Amino acid sequence: MSEPRRSAKNDSHCPGRQVLNINNRIRLKTRDDIMRIAEAGRIIAEIYTYLRGQTLEGISTLELDAMVESKILKAKARPSFKTVPNYSHATCISVNDEVVHGVPLKRKKIKDGDIVKIDIGVVKNGYFADSCRTFEVGHISERAGRLVAATREALAIGIAEILPGKRLGDIGWSIQQFAEGNGYTVVRDFTGHGVGFAVHEHPNVPHFGRKNSGLVLREGLVLAIEPMLNEGSEKVITLEDGWTTVTADGKLSAQFEHTVAITSDGPLVLTE
């Protein structure tokens, strides 16, 4: 679950901004902490493996949410998104032009040709992990396929910058350069974030920015990196439910996310 970008502009138009509980300081994780976050991350990864073998076409996003929650509970964990005030689902499921925070609904059926972003958060023994995948349902269009592939690659490019001594701006800069170089825009109203001891922690992690700027990355920092790429404008609109956010121009959006720890050996993905 992404964090709304913390700015006056964002606060004025993003419902739910005030209820997302982000901690006010950066908390580094020990090696043991990282191992425990990885336990939550493995549950998410196993759920995605399960979903890849299922036929999503024809089911509602609410049914899909229930399926994911059942898997989380069977793993003796809890859906971390249910710890977010005013949100009552295990997942956010965003379809096609829905960018992020799609609320699962009984009436919203998944169709052939859809691209479906399934965002899952898990807390196990007090440790949190967060991840998102974009699923291609049936026969998607060529342009949708290109967008999904580019967004997946953008995440990998951002993760490659997560090294001790690098800076926070390097992550966003690398993602932005790749995305715009391939004709896409980066959503700026929502960011990645710290994670591990809570759903959202400092720092916010923009997926755009300037190279060699911002916080110096340190070993023990755990970040949720989650670029959202649009095929049209970067502008987004949050709907009346206060959560579901769509592209302003109705064009497609894709998202991928991993929880990543900074170690002396480089980035360690905890949700693979």
Foldseek 3Di string as FASTA:
>chain_A
DWQFDDDPVLVVAFFLNVQFDADDDFDFADPVLLVQLLLQLQLLLVVVVVVVPDQQAFAFQVVVQVVSQVSQVVSVWGQQVCVGPPAHTQWAKAKFQFFDQHHTDRPHGHHQQIWIKIKGWIADPQWIWIKIAIDHHHDHDPVVVVQRVLQVVLLVQLQQQQEAQFFLQQSLCRSQVSQVVVQKHWQFRTFKAFGINHPHYDDTRGNHHDGPDHDGHDARTKIKGKIKIWNDDSDWHDDPSSGTIGHPVSGGIGMTIFIWGHHNVGIDTSND
